[in-house]
Amino acid sequence: ALQGLVQSSIYSVPLVALSVVSLPVVALTR
């Protein structure tokens, strides 16, 4: 997510969004 923000590109928007959504899902499946 941080790398996507730093790249500051329109291509990195889906990466940032999916990374943010995936983190709590993965965390809940510990």
PDB file of all heavy atoms in Angstrom:
ATOM      1  N   ALA A   1       0.832  -1.204   0.000  1.00  0.00           N
ATOM      2  CA  ALA A   1       0.000   0.000   0.000  1.00  0.00           C
ATOM      3  C   ALA A   1       0.867   1.254   0.000  1.00  0.00           C
ATOM      4  O   ALA A   1       0.602   2.211  -0.744  1.00  0.00           O
ATOM      5  CB  ALA A   1      -0.930  -0.008   1.216  1.00  0.00           C
ATOM      6  N   LEU A   2       1.913   1.263   0.830  1.00  0.00           N
ATOM      7  CA  LEU A   2       2.808   2.421   0.895  1.00  0.00           C
ATOM      8  C   LEU A   2       3.556   2.617  -0.421  1.00  0.00           C
ATOM      9  O   LEU A   2       3.693   3.751  -0.902  1.00  0.00           O
ATOM     10  CB  LEU A   2       3.800   2.231   2.047  1.00  0.00           C
ATOM     11  CG  LEU A   2       4.814   3.371   2.254  1.00  0.00           C
ATOM     12  CD1 LEU A   2       4.084   4.670   2.568  1.00  0.00           C
ATOM     13  CD2 LEU A   2       5.782   3.019   3.379  1.00  0.00           C
ATOM     14  N   GLN A   3       4.008   1.520  -1.018  1.00  0.00           N
ATOM     15  CA  GLN A   3       4.701   1.627  -2.306  1.00  0.00           C
ATOM     16  C   GLN A   3       3.763   2.176  -3.387  1.00  0.00           C
ATOM     17  O   GLN A   3       4.173   2.946  -4.242  1.00  0.00           O
ATOM     18  CB  GLN A   3       5.253   0.267  -2.717  1.00  0.00           C
ATOM     19  CG  GLN A   3       6.460  -0.171  -1.903  1.00  0.00           C
ATOM     20  CD  GLN A   3       6.864  -1.608  -2.187  1.00  0.00           C
ATOM     21  OE1 GLN A   3       6.041  -2.421  -2.596  1.00  0.00           O
ATOM     22  NE2 GLN A   3       8.124  -1.921  -1.968  1.00  0.00           N
ATOM     23  N   GLY A   4       2.494   1.754  -3.341  1.00  0.00           N
ATOM     24  CA  GLY A   4       1.529   2.290  -4.293  1.00  0.00           C
ATOM     25  C   GLY A   4       1.325   3.783  -4.114  1.00  0.00           C
ATOM     26  O   GLY A   4       1.233   4.535  -5.100  1.00  0.00           O
ATOM     27  N   LEU A   5       1.259   4.245  -2.865  1.00  0.00           N
ATOM     28  CA  LEU A   5       1.114   5.677  -2.612  1.00  0.00           C
ATOM     29  C   LEU A   5       2.340   6.456  -3.075  1.00  0.00           C
ATOM     30  O   LEU A   5       2.219   7.532  -3.667  1.00  0.00           O
ATOM     31  CB  LEU A   5       0.886   5.910  -1.106  1.00  0.00           C
ATOM     32  CG  LEU A   5      -0.472   5.482  -0.542  1.00  0.00           C
ATOM     33  CD1 LEU A   5      -0.474   5.625   0.968  1.00  0.00           C
ATOM     34  CD2 LEU A   5      -1.594   6.321  -1.158  1.00  0.00           C
ATOM     35  N   VAL A   6       3.526   5.910  -2.813  1.00  0.00           N
ATOM     36  CA  VAL A   6       4.759   6.604  -3.187  1.00  0.00           C
ATOM     37  C   VAL A   6       4.887   6.702  -4.703  1.00  0.00           C
ATOM     38  O   VAL A   6       5.377   7.708  -5.236  1.00  0.00           O
ATOM     39  CB  VAL A   6       5.986   5.872  -2.591  1.00  0.00           C
ATOM     40  CG1 VAL A   6       7.281   6.443  -3.153  1.00  0.00           C
ATOM     41  CG2 VAL A   6       5.970   5.989  -1.074  1.00  0.00           C
ATOM     42  N   GLN A   7       4.428   5.679  -5.427  1.00  0.00           N
ATOM     43  CA  GLN A   7       4.541   5.713  -6.884  1.00  0.00           C
ATOM     44  C   GLN A   7       3.668   6.803  -7.507  1.00  0.00           C
ATOM     45  O   GLN A   7       3.919   7.233  -8.638  1.00  0.00           O
ATOM     46  CB  GLN A   7       4.176   4.336  -7.474  1.00  0.00           C
ATOM     47  CG  GLN A   7       5.212   3.272  -7.147  1.00  0.00           C
ATOM     48  CD  GLN A   7       4.809   1.900  -7.663  1.00  0.00           C
ATOM     49  OE1 GLN A   7       4.710   1.695  -8.870  1.00  0.00           O
ATOM     50  NE2 GLN A   7       4.586   0.967  -6.750  1.00  0.00           N
ATOM     51  N   SER A   8       2.633   7.243  -6.770  1.00  0.00           N
ATOM     52  CA  SER A   8       1.801   8.385  -7.187  1.00  0.00           C
ATOM     53  C   SER A   8       1.352   8.270  -8.638  1.00  0.00           C
ATOM     54  O   SER A   8       1.457   9.217  -9.421  1.00  0.00           O
ATOM     55  CB  SER A   8       2.576   9.699  -6.986  1.00  0.00           C
ATOM     56  OG  SER A   8       2.963   9.853  -5.657  1.00  0.00           O
ATOM     57  N   SER A   9       0.865   7.098  -9.009  1.00  0.00           N
ATOM     58  CA  SER A   9       0.436   6.858 -10.384  1.00  0.00           C
ATOM     59  C   SER A   9      -1.007   6.389 -10.385  1.00  0.00           C
ATOM     60  O   SER A   9      -1.489   5.796  -9.420  1.00  0.00           O
ATOM     61  CB  SER A   9       1.332   5.803 -11.047  1.00  0.00           C
ATOM     62  OG  SER A   9       0.760   5.323 -12.237  1.00  0.00           O
ATOM     63  N   ILE A  10      -1.694   6.658 -11.480  1.00  0.00           N
ATOM     64  CA  ILE A  10      -3.068   6.180 -11.601  1.00  0.00           C
ATOM     65  C   ILE A  10      -3.120   4.660 -11.604  1.00  0.00           C
ATOM     66  O   ILE A  10      -4.108   4.051 -11.203  1.00  0.00           O
ATOM     67  CB  ILE A  10      -3.707   6.762 -12.891  1.00  0.00           C
ATOM     68  CG1 ILE A  10      -5.213   6.448 -12.895  1.00  0.00           C
ATOM     69  CG2 ILE A  10      -3.021   6.193 -14.145  1.00  0.00           C
ATOM     70  CD1 ILE A  10      -5.956   7.101 -14.031  1.00  0.00           C
ATOM     71  N   TYR A  11      -2.002   4.048 -12.048  1.00  0.00           N
ATOM     72  CA  TYR A  11      -1.944   2.588 -12.081  1.00  0.00           C
ATOM     73  C   TYR A  11      -1.867   1.978 -10.679  1.00  0.00           C
ATOM     74  O   TYR A  11      -2.190   0.807 -10.488  1.00  0.00           O
ATOM     75  CB  TYR A  11      -0.736   2.114 -12.886  1.00  0.00           C
ATOM     76  CG  TYR A  11      -0.683   2.657 -14.295  1.00  0.00           C
ATOM     77  CD1 TYR A  11       0.392   3.422 -14.715  1.00  0.00           C
ATOM     78  CD2 TYR A  11      -1.712   2.412 -15.197  1.00  0.00           C
ATOM     79  CE1 TYR A  11       0.440   3.937 -16.003  1.00  0.00           C
ATOM     80  CE2 TYR A  11      -1.675   2.921 -16.487  1.00  0.00           C
ATOM     81  CZ  TYR A  11      -0.594   3.685 -16.880  1.00  0.00           C
ATOM     82  OH  TYR A  11      -0.546   4.183 -18.150  1.00  0.00           O
ATOM     83  N   SER A  12      -1.415   2.756  -9.714  1.00  0.00           N
ATOM     84  CA  SER A  12      -1.212   2.225  -8.373  1.00  0.00           C
ATOM     85  C   SER A  12      -2.452   2.331  -7.490  1.00  0.00           C
ATOM     86  O   SER A  12      -2.456   1.817  -6.377  1.00  0.00           O
ATOM     87  CB  SER A  12      -0.036   2.941  -7.696  1.00  0.00           C
ATOM     88  OG  SER A  12      -0.303   4.321  -7.552  1.00  0.00           O
ATOM     89  N   VAL A  13      -3.511   2.989  -7.975  1.00  0.00           N
ATOM     90  CA  VAL A  13      -4.730   3.148  -7.165  1.00  0.00           C
ATOM     91  C   VAL A  13      -5.353   1.797  -6.814  1.00  0.00           C
ATOM     92  O   VAL A  13      -5.681   1.548  -5.647  1.00  0.00           O
ATOM     93  CB  VAL A  13      -5.746   4.056  -7.892  1.00  0.00           C
ATOM     94  CG1 VAL A  13      -7.073   4.095  -7.123  1.00  0.00           C
ATOM     95  CG2 VAL A  13      -5.182   5.460  -8.044  1.00  0.00           C
ATOM     96  N   PRO A  14      -5.547   0.880  -7.801  1.00  0.00           N
ATOM     97  CA  PRO A  14      -6.108  -0.441  -7.424  1.00  0.00           C
ATOM     98  C   PRO A  14      -5.238  -1.193  -6.428  1.00  0.00           C
ATOM     99  O   PRO A  14      -5.762  -1.886  -5.551  1.00  0.00           O
ATOM    100  CB  PRO A  14      -6.180  -1.180  -8.772  1.00  0.00           C
ATOM    101  CG  PRO A  14      -6.181  -0.118  -9.808  1.00  0.00           C
ATOM    102  CD  PRO A  14      -5.338   0.989  -9.258  1.00  0.00           C
ATOM    103  N   LEU A  15      -3.913  -1.043  -6.544  1.00  0.00           N
ATOM    104  CA  LEU A  15      -3.008  -1.732  -5.618  1.00  0.00           C
ATOM    105  C   LEU A  15      -3.212  -1.232  -4.198  1.00  0.00           C
ATOM    106  O   LEU A  15      -3.302  -2.022  -3.253  1.00  0.00           O
ATOM    107  CB  LEU A  15      -1.557  -1.522  -6.049  1.00  0.00           C
ATOM    108  CG  LEU A  15      -0.481  -2.045  -5.099  1.00  0.00           C
ATOM    109  CD1 LEU A  15      -0.599  -3.561  -4.939  1.00  0.00           C
ATOM    110  CD2 LEU A  15       0.909  -1.675  -5.604  1.00  0.00           C
ATOM    111  N   VAL A  16      -3.289   0.082  -4.029  1.00  0.00           N
ATOM    112  CA  VAL A  16      -3.477   0.654  -2.689  1.00  0.00           C
ATOM    113  C   VAL A  16      -4.817   0.228  -2.118  1.00  0.00           C
ATOM    114  O   VAL A  16      -4.913  -0.212  -0.955  1.00  0.00           O
ATOM    115  CB  VAL A  16      -3.385   2.195  -2.750  1.00  0.00           C
ATOM    116  CG1 VAL A  16      -3.703   2.798  -1.380  1.00  0.00           C
ATOM    117  CG2 VAL A  16      -2.010   2.635  -3.222  1.00  0.00           C
ATOM    118  N   ALA A  17      -5.870   0.317  -2.933  1.00  0.00           N
ATOM    119  CA  ALA A  17      -7.212  -0.027  -2.457  1.00  0.00           C
ATOM    120  C   ALA A  17      -7.304  -1.494  -2.043  1.00  0.00           C
ATOM    121  O   ALA A  17      -7.820  -1.823  -0.967  1.00  0.00           O
ATOM    122  CB  ALA A  17      -8.239   0.282  -3.544  1.00  0.00           C
ATOM    123  N   LEU A  18      -6.785  -2.387  -2.893  1.00  0.00           N
ATOM    124  CA  LEU A  18      -6.877  -3.813  -2.586  1.00  0.00           C
ATOM    125  C   LEU A  18      -6.010  -4.183  -1.389  1.00  0.00           C
ATOM    126  O   LEU A  18      -6.384  -5.058  -0.586  1.00  0.00           O
ATOM    127  CB  LEU A  18      -6.463  -4.633  -3.813  1.00  0.00           C
ATOM    128  CG  LEU A  18      -6.744  -6.137  -3.732  1.00  0.00           C
ATOM    129  CD1 LEU A  18      -8.234  -6.395  -3.527  1.00  0.00           C
ATOM    130  CD2 LEU A  18      -6.273  -6.847  -4.993  1.00  0.00           C
ATOM    131  N   SER A  19      -4.862  -3.532  -1.236  1.00  0.00           N
ATOM    132  CA  SER A  19      -4.000  -3.809  -0.083  1.00  0.00           C
ATOM    133  C   SER A  19      -4.694  -3.421   1.215  1.00  0.00           C
ATOM    134  O   SER A  19      -4.652  -4.159   2.209  1.00  0.00           O
ATOM    135  CB  SER A  19      -2.679  -3.051  -0.213  1.00  0.00           C
ATOM    136  OG  SER A  19      -1.953  -3.466  -1.341  1.00  0.00           O
ATOM    137  N   VAL A  20      -5.377  -2.270   1.196  1.00  0.00           N
ATOM    138  CA  VAL A  20      -6.084  -1.800   2.393  1.00  0.00           C
ATOM    139  C   VAL A  20      -7.248  -2.724   2.724  1.00  0.00           C
ATOM    140  O   VAL A  20      -7.497  -3.043   3.901  1.00  0.00           O
ATOM    141  CB  VAL A  20      -6.581  -0.353   2.181  1.00  0.00           C
ATOM    142  CG1 VAL A  20      -7.487   0.077   3.332  1.00  0.00           C
ATOM    143  CG2 VAL A  20      -5.399   0.593   2.057  1.00  0.00           C
ATOM    144  N   VAL A  21      -7.971  -3.199   1.708  1.00  0.00           N
ATOM    145  CA  VAL A  21      -9.103  -4.096   1.940  1.00  0.00           C
ATOM    146  C   VAL A  21      -8.629  -5.473   2.411  1.00  0.00           C
ATOM    147  O   VAL A  21      -9.251  -6.103   3.271  1.00  0.00           O
ATOM    148  CB  VAL A  21      -9.937  -4.235   0.645  1.00  0.00           C
ATOM    149  CG1 VAL A  21     -10.982  -5.335   0.794  1.00  0.00           C
ATOM    150  CG2 VAL A  21     -10.606  -2.914   0.297  1.00  0.00           C
ATOM    151  N   SER A  22      -7.515  -5.946   1.870  1.00  0.00           N
ATOM    152  CA  SER A  22      -7.036  -7.302   2.171  1.00  0.00           C
ATOM    153  C   SER A  22      -6.490  -7.434   3.584  1.00  0.00           C
ATOM    154  O   SER A  22      -6.606  -8.506   4.195  1.00  0.00           O
ATOM    155  CB  SER A  22      -5.953  -7.703   1.167  1.00  0.00           C
ATOM    156  OG  SER A  22      -6.438  -7.674  -0.149  1.00  0.00           O
ATOM    157  N   LEU A  23      -5.893  -6.370   4.115  1.00  0.00           N
ATOM    158  CA  LEU A  23      -5.230  -6.477   5.420  1.00  0.00           C
ATOM    159  C   LEU A  23      -6.164  -6.940   6.528  1.00  0.00           C
ATOM    160  O   LEU A  23      -5.839  -7.900   7.246  1.00  0.00           O
ATOM    161  CB  LEU A  23      -4.566  -5.138   5.774  1.00  0.00           C
ATOM    162  CG  LEU A  23      -3.748  -5.131   7.068  1.00  0.00           C
ATOM    163  CD1 LEU A  23      -2.655  -6.187   7.008  1.00  0.00           C
ATOM    164  CD2 LEU A  23      -3.148  -3.756   7.313  1.00  0.00           C
ATOM    165  N   PRO A  24      -7.342  -6.322   6.732  1.00  0.00           N
ATOM    166  CA  PRO A  24      -8.209  -6.827   7.814  1.00  0.00           C
ATOM    167  C   PRO A  24      -8.746  -8.230   7.547  1.00  0.00           C
ATOM    168  O   PRO A  24      -8.939  -9.004   8.487  1.00  0.00           O
ATOM    169  CB  PRO A  24      -9.360  -5.790   7.850  1.00  0.00           C
ATOM    170  CG  PRO A  24      -9.329  -5.115   6.526  1.00  0.00           C
ATOM    171  CD  PRO A  24      -7.893  -5.125   6.094  1.00  0.00           C
ATOM    172  N   VAL A  25      -8.979  -8.554   6.273  1.00  0.00           N
ATOM    173  CA  VAL A  25      -9.474  -9.905   5.952  1.00  0.00           C
ATOM    174  C   VAL A  25      -8.441 -10.950   6.335  1.00  0.00           C
ATOM    175  O   VAL A  25      -8.755 -11.962   6.976  1.00  0.00           O
ATOM    176  CB  VAL A  25      -9.816 -10.013   4.453  1.00  0.00           C
ATOM    177  CG1 VAL A  25     -10.210 -11.446   4.106  1.00  0.00           C
ATOM    178  CG2 VAL A  25     -10.929  -9.050   4.081  1.00  0.00           C
ATOM    179  N   VAL A  26      -7.178 -10.711   5.948  1.00  0.00           N
ATOM    180  CA  VAL A  26      -6.114 -11.647   6.288  1.00  0.00           C
ATOM    181  C   VAL A  26      -5.890 -11.691   7.798  1.00  0.00           C
ATOM    182  O   VAL A  26      -5.677 -12.759   8.379  1.00  0.00           O
ATOM    183  CB  VAL A  26      -4.811 -11.261   5.554  1.00  0.00           C
ATOM    184  CG1 VAL A  26      -3.647 -12.138   6.019  1.00  0.00           C
ATOM    185  CG2 VAL A  26      -4.989 -11.390   4.044  1.00  0.00           C
ATOM    186  N   ALA A  27      -5.972 -10.530   8.443  1.00  0.00           N
ATOM    187  CA  ALA A  27      -5.745 -10.470   9.891  1.00  0.00           C
ATOM    188  C   ALA A  27      -6.787 -11.291  10.654  1.00  0.00           C
ATOM    189  O   ALA A  27      -6.464 -11.940  11.654  1.00  0.00           O
ATOM    190  CB  ALA A  27      -5.761  -9.018  10.368  1.00  0.00           C
ATOM    191  N   LEU A  28      -8.018 -11.295  10.171  1.00  0.00           N
ATOM    192  CA  LEU A  28      -9.087 -12.027  10.855  1.00  0.00           C
ATOM    193  C   LEU A  28      -8.997 -13.538  10.670  1.00  0.00           C
ATOM    194  O   LEU A  28      -9.670 -14.289  11.377  1.00  0.00           O
ATOM    195  CB  LEU A  28     -10.449 -11.534  10.361  1.00  0.00           C
ATOM    196  CG  LEU A  28     -10.842 -10.108  10.795  1.00  0.00           C
ATOM    197  CD1 LEU A  28     -12.138  -9.686  10.114  1.00  0.00           C
ATOM    198  CD2 LEU A  28     -10.979 -10.027  12.314  1.00  0.00           C
ATOM    199  N   THR A  29      -8.187 -13.967   9.720  1.00  0.00           N
ATOM    200  CA  THR A  29      -8.060 -15.414   9.468  1.00  0.00           C
ATOM    201  C   THR A  29      -6.810 -16.001  10.121  1.00  0.00           C
ATOM    202  O   THR A  29      -6.351 -17.068   9.715  1.00  0.00           O
ATOM    203  CB  THR A  29      -8.018 -15.687   7.949  1.00  0.00           C
ATOM    204  OG1 THR A  29      -6.917 -14.984   7.367  1.00  0.00           O
ATOM    205  CG2 THR A  29      -9.306 -15.251   7.279  1.00  0.00           C
ATOM    206  N   ARG A  30      -6.284 -15.342  11.104  1.00  0.00           N
ATOM    207  CA  ARG A  30      -5.029 -15.794  11.734  1.00  0.00           C
ATOM    208  C   ARG A  30      -5.123 -17.234  12.225  1.00  0.00           C
ATOM    209  O   ARG A  30      -4.188 -18.026  12.054  1.00  0.00           O
ATOM    210  CB  ARG A  30      -4.681 -14.877  12.898  1.00  0.00           C
ATOM    211  CG  ARG A  30      -3.368 -15.236  13.593  1.00  0.00           C
ATOM    212  CD  ARG A  30      -3.067 -14.253  14.716  1.00  0.00           C
ATOM    213  NE  ARG A  30      -1.771 -14.492  15.316  1.00  0.00           N
ATOM    214  CZ  ARG A  30      -1.541 -15.359  16.280  1.00  0.00           C
ATOM    215  NH1 ARG A  30      -2.527 -16.090  16.773  1.00  0.00           N
ATOM    216  NH2 ARG A  30      -0.316 -15.523  16.767  1.00  0.00           N
TER     217      ARG A  30
END
